Amino acid sequence: MADKEDPKPDISKFSVIRSGLFRLFNFPLIGSTVLILLFYWRLRLRRRRVRKQTIDGLLGVIKEKDEKITHLLHTIARMNELLLATRHGVPITSKAASG
């Protein structure tokens, strides 16, 4: 009778292997870690894209303001020449004053 195998498998061996696998590969922990890493990666990409759009927008505003300032300076120069010409009675021949 000692040589006969027991028809029932030893469940304790399977439970040790199973608990060891879950200790080694804690699937909920691994899954949540992967999700957190993906969320963090997506957040960084979004921040980078928003920062680039913000910088591009600010550079566009600066360019518009620079063009407006240039136009206003040109207008001031024309007005200054007209003022000087009318005070001294000099005919206006400047390109800035005629344009």
N, C-alpha and C. Protein backbone atom coordinates (compact mmCIF):
# COMPACT_ATOMS: atom_id res chain seq x y z
N MET A 1 0.79 -1.18 0.00
CA MET A 1 0.00 0.00 0.00
C MET A 1 0.84 1.26 0.00
N ALA A 2 2.04 1.19 0.44
CA ALA A 2 2.90 2.37 0.48
C ALA A 2 3.32 2.77 -0.92
N ASP A 3 3.35 1.78 -1.86
CA ASP A 3 3.76 2.10 -3.22
C ASP A 3 2.64 2.72 -4.04
N LYS A 4 1.45 2.59 -3.60
CA LYS A 4 0.33 3.16 -4.36
C LYS A 4 0.33 4.68 -4.24
N GLU A 5 0.07 5.32 -5.38
CA GLU A 5 -0.03 6.78 -5.35
C GLU A 5 -1.41 7.18 -4.88
N ASP A 6 -1.44 8.26 -4.19
CA ASP A 6 -2.71 8.78 -3.70
C ASP A 6 -3.45 9.41 -4.88
N PRO A 7 -4.70 9.03 -5.15
CA PRO A 7 -5.40 9.58 -6.30
C PRO A 7 -5.70 11.08 -6.14
N LYS A 8 -5.72 11.57 -4.94
CA LYS A 8 -5.96 13.00 -4.74
C LYS A 8 -4.63 13.76 -4.81
N PRO A 9 -4.59 14.83 -5.57
CA PRO A 9 -3.35 15.61 -5.59
C PRO A 9 -3.20 16.40 -4.29
N ASP A 10 -1.97 16.67 -3.97
CA ASP A 10 -1.69 17.42 -2.74
C ASP A 10 -1.95 18.91 -3.02
N ILE A 11 -3.03 19.43 -2.48
CA ILE A 11 -3.46 20.80 -2.74
C ILE A 11 -2.50 21.81 -2.13
N SER A 12 -1.85 21.44 -1.07
CA SER A 12 -0.95 22.39 -0.40
C SER A 12 0.21 22.79 -1.31
N LYS A 13 0.67 21.86 -2.16
CA LYS A 13 1.75 22.20 -3.09
C LYS A 13 1.30 23.26 -4.09
N PHE A 14 0.07 23.12 -4.61
CA PHE A 14 -0.44 24.09 -5.58
C PHE A 14 -0.67 25.45 -4.94
N SER A 15 -1.14 25.44 -3.72
CA SER A 15 -1.39 26.73 -3.07
C SER A 15 -0.08 27.46 -2.80
N VAL A 16 0.97 26.73 -2.49
CA VAL A 16 2.27 27.37 -2.28
C VAL A 16 2.78 27.96 -3.59
N ILE A 17 2.64 27.21 -4.67
CA ILE A 17 3.09 27.72 -5.97
C ILE A 17 2.24 28.93 -6.36
N ARG A 18 0.94 28.83 -6.15
CA ARG A 18 0.05 29.91 -6.53
C ARG A 18 0.32 31.17 -5.71
N SER A 19 0.47 31.03 -4.42
CA SER A 19 0.75 32.20 -3.60
C SER A 19 2.12 32.77 -3.92
N GLY A 20 3.06 31.90 -4.26
CA GLY A 20 4.39 32.37 -4.65
C GLY A 20 4.34 33.16 -5.94
N LEU A 21 3.53 32.70 -6.90
CA LEU A 21 3.38 33.42 -8.16
C LEU A 21 2.76 34.80 -7.91
N PHE A 22 1.74 34.86 -7.06
CA PHE A 22 1.10 36.14 -6.80
C PHE A 22 2.02 37.06 -6.00
N ARG A 23 2.89 36.49 -5.22
CA ARG A 23 3.86 37.34 -4.55
C ARG A 23 4.90 37.87 -5.53
N LEU A 24 5.30 37.00 -6.44
CA LEU A 24 6.30 37.39 -7.43
C LEU A 24 5.70 38.35 -8.46
N PHE A 25 4.52 38.05 -8.96
CA PHE A 25 3.85 38.88 -9.96
C PHE A 25 2.53 39.37 -9.38
N ASN A 26 2.58 40.49 -8.71
CA ASN A 26 1.37 41.06 -8.16
C ASN A 26 0.70 41.85 -9.28
N PHE A 27 -0.21 41.19 -9.98
CA PHE A 27 -0.78 41.74 -11.19
C PHE A 27 -1.52 43.05 -10.97
N PRO A 28 -2.32 43.22 -9.94
CA PRO A 28 -2.96 44.53 -9.74
C PRO A 28 -1.94 45.65 -9.51
N LEU A 29 -0.88 45.34 -8.78
CA LEU A 29 0.15 46.35 -8.53
C LEU A 29 0.88 46.71 -9.82
N ILE A 30 1.22 45.71 -10.61
CA ILE A 30 1.90 45.95 -11.88
C ILE A 30 0.99 46.74 -12.82
N GLY A 31 -0.27 46.36 -12.89
CA GLY A 31 -1.22 47.07 -13.76
C GLY A 31 -1.40 48.52 -13.35
N SER A 32 -1.55 48.76 -12.06
CA SER A 32 -1.73 50.13 -11.61
C SER A 32 -0.46 50.95 -11.83
N THR A 33 0.70 50.34 -11.66
CA THR A 33 1.96 51.04 -11.91
C THR A 33 2.08 51.43 -13.38
N VAL A 34 1.72 50.53 -14.26
CA VAL A 34 1.78 50.82 -15.70
C VAL A 34 0.80 51.94 -16.04
N LEU A 35 -0.40 51.90 -15.48
CA LEU A 35 -1.38 52.95 -15.74
C LEU A 35 -0.89 54.31 -15.23
N ILE A 36 -0.28 54.33 -14.07
CA ILE A 36 0.24 55.58 -13.53
C ILE A 36 1.36 56.12 -14.41
N LEU A 37 2.25 55.23 -14.86
CA LEU A 37 3.34 55.67 -15.74
C LEU A 37 2.80 56.21 -17.07
N LEU A 38 1.79 55.55 -17.64
CA LEU A 38 1.20 56.03 -18.89
C LEU A 38 0.52 57.39 -18.69
N PHE A 39 -0.19 57.53 -17.58
CA PHE A 39 -0.84 58.80 -17.27
C PHE A 39 0.19 59.92 -17.11
N TYR A 40 1.27 59.63 -16.41
CA TYR A 40 2.32 60.62 -16.19
C TYR A 40 2.98 61.00 -17.52
N TRP A 41 3.23 60.03 -18.37
CA TRP A 41 3.84 60.27 -19.68
C TRP A 41 2.93 61.15 -20.53
N ARG A 42 1.63 60.84 -20.53
CA ARG A 42 0.66 61.62 -21.30
C ARG A 42 0.58 63.05 -20.77
N LEU A 43 0.61 63.19 -19.46
CA LEU A 43 0.56 64.51 -18.84
C LEU A 43 1.78 65.35 -19.23
N ARG A 44 2.96 64.74 -19.24
CA ARG A 44 4.18 65.46 -19.65
C ARG A 44 4.11 65.91 -21.09
N LEU A 45 3.61 65.03 -21.98
CA LEU A 45 3.50 65.40 -23.39
C LEU A 45 2.50 66.54 -23.57
N ARG A 46 1.40 66.48 -22.84
CA ARG A 46 0.39 67.53 -22.94
C ARG A 46 0.95 68.86 -22.45
N ARG A 47 1.66 68.85 -21.33
CA ARG A 47 2.26 70.08 -20.81
C ARG A 47 3.26 70.66 -21.79
N ARG A 48 4.04 69.79 -22.40
CA ARG A 48 5.04 70.25 -23.37
C ARG A 48 4.36 70.91 -24.58
N ARG A 49 3.25 70.28 -25.05
CA ARG A 49 2.53 70.82 -26.20
C ARG A 49 1.88 72.17 -25.85
N VAL A 50 1.28 72.26 -24.68
CA VAL A 50 0.64 73.50 -24.24
C VAL A 50 1.69 74.60 -24.08
N ARG A 51 2.84 74.26 -23.52
CA ARG A 51 3.91 75.24 -23.35
C ARG A 51 4.38 75.76 -24.70
N LYS A 52 4.51 74.86 -25.69
CA LYS A 52 4.96 75.28 -27.02
C LYS A 52 3.92 76.19 -27.67
N GLN A 53 2.62 75.85 -27.52
CA GLN A 53 1.57 76.69 -28.09
C GLN A 53 1.56 78.06 -27.41
N THR A 54 1.78 78.09 -26.11
CA THR A 54 1.80 79.35 -25.39
C THR A 54 2.96 80.22 -25.86
N ILE A 55 4.12 79.62 -26.02
CA ILE A 55 5.30 80.37 -26.47
C ILE A 55 5.07 80.89 -27.88
N ASP A 56 4.51 80.05 -28.77
CA ASP A 56 4.24 80.50 -30.14
C ASP A 56 3.24 81.64 -30.16
N GLY A 57 2.21 81.54 -29.31
CA GLY A 57 1.23 82.62 -29.23
C GLY A 57 1.84 83.92 -28.74
N LEU A 58 2.68 83.83 -27.72
CA LEU A 58 3.34 85.03 -27.19
C LEU A 58 4.28 85.65 -28.22
N LEU A 59 4.99 84.80 -28.96
CA LEU A 59 5.87 85.33 -30.01
C LEU A 59 5.06 86.03 -31.10
N GLY A 60 3.88 85.50 -31.42
CA GLY A 60 3.00 86.15 -32.40
C GLY A 60 2.52 87.51 -31.92
N VAL A 61 2.15 87.59 -30.64
CA VAL A 61 1.71 88.86 -30.07
C VAL A 61 2.86 89.87 -30.08
N ILE A 62 4.05 89.42 -29.73
CA ILE A 62 5.22 90.31 -29.73
C ILE A 62 5.49 90.83 -31.14
N LYS A 63 5.36 89.96 -32.15
CA LYS A 63 5.60 90.38 -33.53
C LYS A 63 4.57 91.43 -33.96
N GLU A 64 3.29 91.20 -33.61
CA GLU A 64 2.24 92.18 -33.95
C GLU A 64 2.52 93.52 -33.29
N LYS A 65 2.86 93.49 -32.01
CA LYS A 65 3.13 94.74 -31.28
C LYS A 65 4.35 95.45 -31.84
N ASP A 66 5.36 94.68 -32.24
CA ASP A 66 6.56 95.29 -32.83
C ASP A 66 6.22 95.99 -34.15
N GLU A 67 5.37 95.36 -34.97
CA GLU A 67 4.96 95.99 -36.23
C GLU A 67 4.16 97.26 -35.97
N LYS A 68 3.29 97.21 -34.97
CA LYS A 68 2.50 98.40 -34.64
C LYS A 68 3.40 99.53 -34.12
N ILE A 69 4.38 99.18 -33.29
CA ILE A 69 5.31 100.19 -32.78
C ILE A 69 6.11 100.81 -33.93
N THR A 70 6.55 99.98 -34.86
CA THR A 70 7.29 100.49 -36.02
C THR A 70 6.42 101.45 -36.83
N HIS A 71 5.16 101.07 -37.03
CA HIS A 71 4.24 101.94 -37.78
C HIS A 71 4.02 103.26 -37.04
N LEU A 72 3.84 103.18 -35.73
CA LEU A 72 3.63 104.41 -34.94
C LEU A 72 4.87 105.30 -34.95
N LEU A 73 6.05 104.69 -34.86
CA LEU A 73 7.29 105.48 -34.94
C LEU A 73 7.42 106.18 -36.29
N HIS A 74 7.02 105.47 -37.34
CA HIS A 74 7.05 106.07 -38.68
C HIS A 74 6.07 107.24 -38.75
N THR A 75 4.90 107.07 -38.18
CA THR A 75 3.90 108.14 -38.16
C THR A 75 4.40 109.33 -37.35
N ILE A 76 5.03 109.08 -36.21
CA ILE A 76 5.58 110.17 -35.40
C ILE A 76 6.66 110.92 -36.16
N ALA A 77 7.51 110.19 -36.88
CA ALA A 77 8.58 110.84 -37.67
C ALA A 77 7.96 111.75 -38.73
N ARG A 78 6.90 111.29 -39.41
CA ARG A 78 6.24 112.11 -40.43
C ARG A 78 5.62 113.35 -39.80
N MET A 79 4.96 113.17 -38.66
CA MET A 79 4.34 114.32 -37.99
C MET A 79 5.39 115.32 -37.53
N ASN A 80 6.53 114.82 -37.06
CA ASN A 80 7.62 115.69 -36.60
C ASN A 80 8.16 116.50 -37.77
N GLU A 81 8.35 115.86 -38.91
CA GLU A 81 8.84 116.59 -40.08
C GLU A 81 7.83 117.64 -40.54
N LEU A 82 6.55 117.29 -40.50
CA LEU A 82 5.53 118.27 -40.89
C LEU A 82 5.52 119.46 -39.92
N LEU A 83 5.66 119.17 -38.64
CA LEU A 83 5.68 120.24 -37.65
C LEU A 83 6.88 121.16 -37.85
N LEU A 84 8.04 120.57 -38.08
CA LEU A 84 9.24 121.38 -38.30
C LEU A 84 9.13 122.19 -39.59
N ALA A 85 8.53 121.60 -40.60
CA ALA A 85 8.41 122.29 -41.88
C ALA A 85 7.45 123.47 -41.77
N THR A 86 6.38 123.31 -41.04
CA THR A 86 5.42 124.42 -40.92
C THR A 86 5.96 125.54 -40.04
N ARG A 87 6.78 125.23 -39.07
CA ARG A 87 7.36 126.25 -38.19
C ARG A 87 8.39 127.11 -38.93
N HIS A 88 9.15 126.48 -39.79
CA HIS A 88 10.25 127.19 -40.45
C HIS A 88 9.89 127.62 -41.88
N GLY A 89 8.75 127.23 -42.36
CA GLY A 89 8.36 127.60 -43.71
C GLY A 89 9.14 126.88 -44.79
N VAL A 90 9.64 125.71 -44.51
CA VAL A 90 10.44 124.94 -45.45
C VAL A 90 9.51 123.99 -46.21
N PRO A 91 9.65 123.89 -47.52
CA PRO A 91 8.81 122.94 -48.25
C PRO A 91 9.16 121.49 -47.87
N ILE A 92 8.16 120.67 -47.89
CA ILE A 92 8.34 119.27 -47.46
C ILE A 92 8.80 118.44 -48.65
N THR A 93 10.02 117.91 -48.55
CA THR A 93 10.56 117.08 -49.63
C THR A 93 10.97 115.71 -49.11
N SER A 94 10.76 115.46 -47.86
CA SER A 94 11.19 114.18 -47.27
C SER A 94 10.27 113.05 -47.71
N LYS A 95 10.86 111.92 -47.87
CA LYS A 95 10.12 110.72 -48.25
C LYS A 95 9.15 110.32 -47.12
N ALA A 96 9.59 110.46 -45.87
CA ALA A 96 8.77 110.08 -44.72
C ALA A 96 7.56 111.00 -44.61
N ALA A 97 7.70 112.27 -44.91
CA ALA A 97 6.60 113.23 -44.77
C ALA A 97 5.60 113.10 -45.92
N SER A 98 6.04 112.66 -47.08
CA SER A 98 5.12 112.59 -48.22
C SER A 98 4.38 111.25 -48.28
N GLY A 99 4.84 110.23 -47.60
CA GLY A 99 4.27 108.88 -47.72
C GLY A 99 3.28 108.62 -46.72
